[in-house]
Amino acid sequence: AILRTPHVKQDLDETFAGAVRVSDLAARAQVHPVYLARQFRHHVGCSITEYRKLLKTRAAARALNSPNVSFAAVADEFGFADQSHFGRAFKSVTGLTPLNYRRLSV
């Protein structure tokens, strides 16, 4: 089967904040989930989960540029489990806590 990685990547780009499952992406691409995961990593350079975390963090970083938006609201808007999960994920991608990022960007 030919992997439709651009379509899978596009699906993730459009739906990253929601509940995205590899099995659903694989079904849309008409491939086995394990095959999709391996091919995605090969073509994109990271796992589907890592890519999704990167997308969520980028979107959250843009939202943090507004000083009136709470960290909890950002966490909720971009599909993080809670504010603590958001903080850990954000720091793992950027090296900064959301508060430090906001201080530098505002």
C-alpha atoms as a PDB file:
ATOM      1  CA  ALA A   1       0.000   0.000   0.000  1.00  0.00           C
ATOM      2  CA  ILE A   2       1.162   3.531  -0.707  1.00  0.00           C
ATOM      3  CA  LEU A   3       1.257   5.662   2.391  1.00  0.00           C
ATOM      4  CA  ARG A   4      -0.684   8.854   2.119  1.00  0.00           C
ATOM      5  CA  THR A   5       1.544  10.633   4.630  1.00  0.00           C
ATOM      6  CA  PRO A   6       0.704  14.134   3.343  1.00  0.00           C
ATOM      7  CA  HIS A   7      -2.980  13.383   3.939  1.00  0.00           C
ATOM      8  CA  VAL A   8      -2.306  11.990   7.399  1.00  0.00           C
ATOM      9  CA  LYS A   9      -0.100  14.983   8.209  1.00  0.00           C
ATOM     10  CA  GLN A  10      -2.815  17.300   6.883  1.00  0.00           C
ATOM     11  CA  ASP A  11      -5.428  15.510   9.036  1.00  0.00           C
ATOM     12  CA  LEU A  12      -3.225  16.062  12.081  1.00  0.00           C
ATOM     13  CA  ASP A  13      -2.614  19.704  11.171  1.00  0.00           C
ATOM     14  CA  GLU A  14      -6.385  20.259  11.075  1.00  0.00           C
ATOM     15  CA  THR A  15      -7.472  18.159  14.067  1.00  0.00           C
ATOM     16  CA  PHE A  16      -4.516  18.160  16.482  1.00  0.00           C
ATOM     17  CA  ALA A  17      -6.420  19.739  19.389  1.00  0.00           C
ATOM     18  CA  GLY A  18      -9.118  17.059  19.347  1.00  0.00           C
ATOM     19  CA  ALA A  19      -9.000  13.409  20.292  1.00  0.00           C
ATOM     20  CA  VAL A  20      -6.939  11.996  17.420  1.00  0.00           C
ATOM     21  CA  ARG A  21      -6.301   8.257  17.407  1.00  0.00           C
ATOM     22  CA  VAL A  22      -3.682   6.530  15.279  1.00  0.00           C
ATOM     23  CA  SER A  23      -6.212   3.811  14.479  1.00  0.00           C
ATOM     24  CA  ASP A  24      -8.588   6.422  13.033  1.00  0.00           C
ATOM     25  CA  LEU A  25      -5.821   8.023  10.972  1.00  0.00           C
ATOM     26  CA  ALA A  26      -4.771   4.586   9.731  1.00  0.00           C
ATOM     27  CA  ALA A  27      -8.343   3.697   8.778  1.00  0.00           C
ATOM     28  CA  ARG A  28      -8.639   6.910   6.739  1.00  0.00           C
ATOM     29  CA  ALA A  29      -5.313   6.162   5.049  1.00  0.00           C
ATOM     30  CA  GLN A  30      -6.397   2.531   4.546  1.00  0.00           C
ATOM     31  CA  VAL A  31      -3.279   1.081   6.179  1.00  0.00           C
ATOM     32  CA  HIS A  32      -2.494  -0.816   9.380  1.00  0.00           C
ATOM     33  CA  PRO A  33      -1.829   1.465  12.388  1.00  0.00           C
ATOM     34  CA  VAL A  34       1.667   0.025  12.945  1.00  0.00           C
ATOM     35  CA  TYR A  35       2.560   0.559   9.288  1.00  0.00           C
ATOM     36  CA  LEU A  36       1.252   4.116   9.459  1.00  0.00           C
ATOM     37  CA  ALA A  37       3.248   4.858  12.609  1.00  0.00           C
ATOM     38  CA  ARG A  38       6.467   3.514  11.078  1.00  0.00           C
ATOM     39  CA  GLN A  39       5.987   5.305   7.775  1.00  0.00           C
ATOM     40  CA  PHE A  40       5.025   8.562   9.462  1.00  0.00           C
ATOM     41  CA  ARG A  41       8.199   8.463  11.562  1.00  0.00           C
ATOM     42  CA  HIS A  42      10.254   7.638   8.462  1.00  0.00           C
ATOM     43  CA  HIS A  43       8.800  10.482   6.364  1.00  0.00           C
ATOM     44  CA  VAL A  44       8.239  13.172   9.000  1.00  0.00           C
ATOM     45  CA  GLY A  45      11.105  12.400  11.378  1.00  0.00           C
ATOM     46  CA  CYS A  46       9.099  11.940  14.571  1.00  0.00           C
ATOM     47  CA  SER A  47       6.231   9.875  15.888  1.00  0.00           C
ATOM     48  CA  ILE A  48       2.610  10.856  15.379  1.00  0.00           C
ATOM     49  CA  THR A  49       2.351  11.606  19.100  1.00  0.00           C
ATOM     50  CA  GLU A  50       5.450  13.822  19.050  1.00  0.00           C
ATOM     51  CA  TYR A  51       4.215  15.659  15.969  1.00  0.00           C
ATOM     52  CA  ARG A  52       0.819  16.241  17.554  1.00  0.00           C
ATOM     53  CA  LYS A  53       2.461  17.547  20.737  1.00  0.00           C
ATOM     54  CA  LEU A  54       4.542  19.927  18.617  1.00  0.00           C
ATOM     55  CA  LEU A  55       1.427  21.231  16.845  1.00  0.00           C
ATOM     56  CA  LYS A  56      -0.432  21.702  20.117  1.00  0.00           C
ATOM     57  CA  THR A  57       2.537  23.489  21.675  1.00  0.00           C
ATOM     58  CA  ARG A  58       2.975  25.835  18.702  1.00  0.00           C
ATOM     59  CA  ALA A  59      -0.698  26.785  18.815  1.00  0.00           C
ATOM     60  CA  ALA A  60      -0.553  27.240  22.584  1.00  0.00           C
ATOM     61  CA  ALA A  61       2.535  29.447  22.234  1.00  0.00           C
ATOM     62  CA  ARG A  62       0.627  31.745  19.876  1.00  0.00           C
ATOM     63  CA  ALA A  63      -2.234  31.926  22.389  1.00  0.00           C
ATOM     64  CA  LEU A  64       0.198  32.755  25.212  1.00  0.00           C
ATOM     65  CA  ASN A  65       1.123  35.964  23.401  1.00  0.00           C
ATOM     66  CA  SER A  66      -2.155  37.364  24.698  1.00  0.00           C
ATOM     67  CA  PRO A  67      -1.623  38.284  28.360  1.00  0.00           C
ATOM     68  CA  ASN A  68      -5.357  38.109  29.118  1.00  0.00           C
ATOM     69  CA  VAL A  69      -5.659  34.374  28.397  1.00  0.00           C
ATOM     70  CA  SER A  70      -5.173  32.057  31.369  1.00  0.00           C
ATOM     71  CA  PHE A  71      -2.897  29.033  31.201  1.00  0.00           C
ATOM     72  CA  ALA A  72      -5.849  26.794  32.084  1.00  0.00           C
ATOM     73  CA  ALA A  73      -7.860  28.207  29.168  1.00  0.00           C
ATOM     74  CA  VAL A  74      -4.959  27.588  26.778  1.00  0.00           C
ATOM     75  CA  ALA A  75      -4.566  24.038  28.097  1.00  0.00           C
ATOM     76  CA  ASP A  76      -8.260  23.369  27.591  1.00  0.00           C
ATOM     77  CA  GLU A  77      -8.455  24.971  24.147  1.00  0.00           C
ATOM     78  CA  PHE A  78      -5.615  22.905  22.707  1.00  0.00           C
ATOM     79  CA  GLY A  79      -6.557  19.530  24.134  1.00  0.00           C
ATOM     80  CA  PHE A  80      -4.190  19.132  27.068  1.00  0.00           C
ATOM     81  CA  ALA A  81      -5.545  17.060  29.950  1.00  0.00           C
ATOM     82  CA  ASP A  82      -5.065  19.918  32.420  1.00  0.00           C
ATOM     83  CA  GLN A  83      -2.838  22.893  33.151  1.00  0.00           C
ATOM     84  CA  SER A  84      -0.116  20.690  34.659  1.00  0.00           C
ATOM     85  CA  HIS A  85      -0.018  18.449  31.577  1.00  0.00           C
ATOM     86  CA  PHE A  86       0.157  21.564  29.412  1.00  0.00           C
ATOM     87  CA  GLY A  87       3.092  22.918  31.416  1.00  0.00           C
ATOM     88  CA  ARG A  88       5.071  19.671  31.170  1.00  0.00           C
ATOM     89  CA  ALA A  89       4.405  19.249  27.449  1.00  0.00           C
ATOM     90  CA  PHE A  90       5.190  22.890  26.710  1.00  0.00           C
ATOM     91  CA  LYS A  91       8.474  22.740  28.596  1.00  0.00           C
ATOM     92  CA  SER A  92       9.494  19.481  26.921  1.00  0.00           C
ATOM     93  CA  VAL A  93       9.098  21.110  23.495  1.00  0.00           C
ATOM     94  CA  THR A  94      10.293  24.670  24.148  1.00  0.00           C
ATOM     95  CA  GLY A  95      12.585  24.301  27.157  1.00  0.00           C
ATOM     96  CA  LEU A  96      10.543  27.014  28.889  1.00  0.00           C
ATOM     97  CA  THR A  97       7.571  26.968  31.206  1.00  0.00           C
ATOM     98  CA  PRO A  98       4.474  28.696  29.818  1.00  0.00           C
ATOM     99  CA  LEU A  99       4.992  31.529  32.316  1.00  0.00           C
ATOM    100  CA  ASN A 100       8.619  32.084  31.274  1.00  0.00           C
ATOM    101  CA  TYR A 101       7.617  31.927  27.619  1.00  0.00           C
ATOM    102  CA  ARG A 102       4.911  34.535  28.182  1.00  0.00           C
ATOM    103  CA  ARG A 103       7.337  36.785  30.034  1.00  0.00           C
ATOM    104  CA  LEU A 104       9.759  36.636  27.102  1.00  0.00           C
ATOM    105  CA  SER A 105       7.142  37.117  24.393  1.00  0.00           C
ATOM    106  CA  VAL A 106       4.864  39.815  25.808  1.00  0.00           C
END
